């Protein structure tokens, strides 16, 4: 990573990177690389966890269908001892 990249980082953010580097015994380049890599993993995981539009529509339709089922007090007693 070149020094010019560090010059374009917000000073408060750069100070946080420097504190992380000092705490871990890394130089700034190692700290930036590590933090970018882990930040990307977190962002990629967030994107992967989202439903596609068709999946979200199917889930919403299933929830709506379940909400229309009438209450059945007997169903809640399944598997409970002493109710019979």
C-alpha atoms as a PDB file:
ATOM      1  CA  UNK A   1       0.000   0.000   0.000  1.00  0.00           C
ATOM      2  CA  UNK A   2       1.421   3.371  -0.875  1.00  0.00           C
ATOM      3  CA  UNK A   3       1.790   6.306   1.454  1.00  0.00           C
ATOM      4  CA  UNK A   4      -0.524   8.378  -0.737  1.00  0.00           C
ATOM      5  CA  UNK A   5      -3.467   6.194   0.256  1.00  0.00           C
ATOM      6  CA  UNK A   6      -2.925   6.945   3.933  1.00  0.00           C
ATOM      7  CA  UNK A   7      -2.972  10.663   3.172  1.00  0.00           C
ATOM      8  CA  UNK A   8      -6.572  10.422   1.964  1.00  0.00           C
ATOM      9  CA  UNK A   9      -7.877   8.750   5.118  1.00  0.00           C
ATOM     10  CA  UNK A  10      -9.818  10.847   7.607  1.00  0.00           C
ATOM     11  CA  UNK A  11      -7.408  11.889  10.386  1.00  0.00           C
ATOM     12  CA  UNK A  12      -9.600  10.426  13.150  1.00  0.00           C
ATOM     13  CA  UNK A  13      -9.871   7.132  11.301  1.00  0.00           C
ATOM     14  CA  UNK A  14      -6.130   7.079  10.701  1.00  0.00           C
ATOM     15  CA  UNK A  15      -5.520   7.641  14.415  1.00  0.00           C
ATOM     16  CA  UNK A  16      -7.731   4.667  15.202  1.00  0.00           C
ATOM     17  CA  UNK A  17      -5.728   2.565  12.735  1.00  0.00           C
ATOM     18  CA  UNK A  18      -2.496   3.722  14.415  1.00  0.00           C
ATOM     19  CA  UNK A  19      -3.839   2.770  17.857  1.00  0.00           C
ATOM     20  CA  UNK A  20      -4.823  -0.660  16.551  1.00  0.00           C
ATOM     21  CA  UNK A  21      -1.399  -1.103  14.991  1.00  0.00           C
ATOM     22  CA  UNK A  22       0.333  -0.167  18.234  1.00  0.00           C
ATOM     23  CA  UNK A  23      -1.885  -2.465  20.287  1.00  0.00           C
ATOM     24  CA  UNK A  24      -1.230  -5.416  17.983  1.00  0.00           C
ATOM     25  CA  UNK A  25       2.447  -4.688  17.322  1.00  0.00           C
ATOM     26  CA  UNK A  26       1.830  -4.097  13.611  1.00  0.00           C
ATOM     27  CA  UNK A  27       3.051  -1.351  11.352  1.00  0.00           C
ATOM     28  CA  UNK A  28       0.409   0.879   9.748  1.00  0.00           C
ATOM     29  CA  UNK A  29       0.460  -1.041   6.477  1.00  0.00           C
ATOM     30  CA  UNK A  30      -0.158  -4.356   8.256  1.00  0.00           C
ATOM     31  CA  UNK A  31      -2.928  -2.800  10.324  1.00  0.00           C
ATOM     32  CA  UNK A  32      -4.635  -1.282   7.277  1.00  0.00           C
ATOM     33  CA  UNK A  33      -4.418  -4.559   5.370  1.00  0.00           C
ATOM     34  CA  UNK A  34      -5.823  -6.537   8.289  1.00  0.00           C
ATOM     35  CA  UNK A  35      -8.623  -4.060   8.972  1.00  0.00           C
ATOM     36  CA  UNK A  36      -9.618  -3.789   5.306  1.00  0.00           C
ATOM     37  CA  UNK A  37      -9.656  -7.572   4.948  1.00  0.00           C
ATOM     38  CA  UNK A  38     -11.807  -8.092   8.037  1.00  0.00           C
ATOM     39  CA  UNK A  39     -14.071  -5.195   7.112  1.00  0.00           C
ATOM     40  CA  UNK A  40     -14.604  -6.712   3.681  1.00  0.00           C
ATOM     41  CA  UNK A  41     -15.427 -10.099   5.221  1.00  0.00           C
ATOM     42  CA  UNK A  42     -18.038  -8.434   7.430  1.00  0.00           C
ATOM     43  CA  UNK A  43     -19.561  -6.492   4.526  1.00  0.00           C
ATOM     44  CA  UNK A  44     -19.576  -9.541   2.252  1.00  0.00           C
ATOM     45  CA  UNK A  45     -21.280 -11.616   4.968  1.00  0.00           C
ATOM     46  CA  UNK A  46     -23.905  -8.906   5.359  1.00  0.00           C
ATOM     47  CA  UNK A  47     -24.612  -8.980   1.619  1.00  0.00           C
ATOM     48  CA  UNK A  48     -24.754 -12.776   1.539  1.00  0.00           C
ATOM     49  CA  UNK A  49     -27.259 -12.823   4.405  1.00  0.00           C
ATOM     50  CA  UNK A  50     -29.842 -10.830   2.468  1.00  0.00           C
ATOM     51  CA  UNK A  51     -32.726 -12.488   0.699  1.00  0.00           C
ATOM     52  CA  UNK A  52     -33.196 -12.063  -3.016  1.00  0.00           C
ATOM     53  CA  UNK A  53     -36.344 -10.147  -3.925  1.00  0.00           C
ATOM     54  CA  UNK A  54     -38.179 -13.330  -4.939  1.00  0.00           C
ATOM     55  CA  UNK A  55     -37.142 -15.112  -1.718  1.00  0.00           C
ATOM     56  CA  UNK A  56     -38.253 -12.132   0.366  1.00  0.00           C
ATOM     57  CA  UNK A  57     -41.611 -12.113  -1.457  1.00  0.00           C
ATOM     58  CA  UNK A  58     -42.055 -15.857  -0.855  1.00  0.00           C
ATOM     59  CA  UNK A  59     -41.220 -15.467   2.840  1.00  0.00           C
ATOM     60  CA  UNK A  60     -43.648 -12.567   3.200  1.00  0.00           C
ATOM     61  CA  UNK A  61     -46.392 -14.594   1.509  1.00  0.00           C
ATOM     62  CA  UNK A  62     -45.746 -17.550   3.832  1.00  0.00           C
ATOM     63  CA  UNK A  63     -45.882 -15.306   6.902  1.00  0.00           C
ATOM     64  CA  UNK A  64     -49.130 -13.741   5.683  1.00  0.00           C
ATOM     65  CA  UNK A  65     -50.637 -17.197   5.159  1.00  0.00           C
ATOM     66  CA  UNK A  66     -49.607 -18.298   8.664  1.00  0.00           C
ATOM     67  CA  UNK A  67     -51.114 -15.155  10.169  1.00  0.00           C
ATOM     68  CA  UNK A  68     -54.493 -16.106   8.714  1.00  0.00           C
ATOM     69  CA  UNK A  69     -54.624 -19.493  10.457  1.00  0.00           C
ATOM     70  CA  UNK A  70     -57.210 -19.439  13.218  1.00  0.00           C
ATOM     71  CA  UNK A  71     -56.047 -19.915  16.795  1.00  0.00           C
ATOM     72  CA  UNK A  72     -56.269 -23.523  17.965  1.00  0.00           C
ATOM     73  CA  UNK A  73     -55.907 -23.812  21.725  1.00  0.00           C
ATOM     74  CA  UNK A  74     -55.483 -27.584  21.400  1.00  0.00           C
ATOM     75  CA  UNK A  75     -52.368 -27.193  19.247  1.00  0.00           C
ATOM     76  CA  UNK A  76     -50.539 -25.406  22.062  1.00  0.00           C
ATOM     77  CA  UNK A  77     -51.024 -28.425  24.329  1.00  0.00           C
ATOM     78  CA  UNK A  78     -49.289 -30.953  22.057  1.00  0.00           C
ATOM     79  CA  UNK A  79     -46.499 -32.665  23.952  1.00  0.00           C
ATOM     80  CA  UNK A  80     -47.387 -31.242  27.337  1.00  0.00           C
ATOM     81  CA  UNK A  81     -47.903 -33.711  30.158  1.00  0.00           C
ATOM     82  CA  UNK A  82     -51.110 -33.616  32.154  1.00  0.00           C
ATOM     83  CA  UNK A  83     -53.297 -32.084  29.464  1.00  0.00           C
ATOM     84  CA  UNK A  84     -55.574 -34.499  28.153  1.00  0.00           C
END
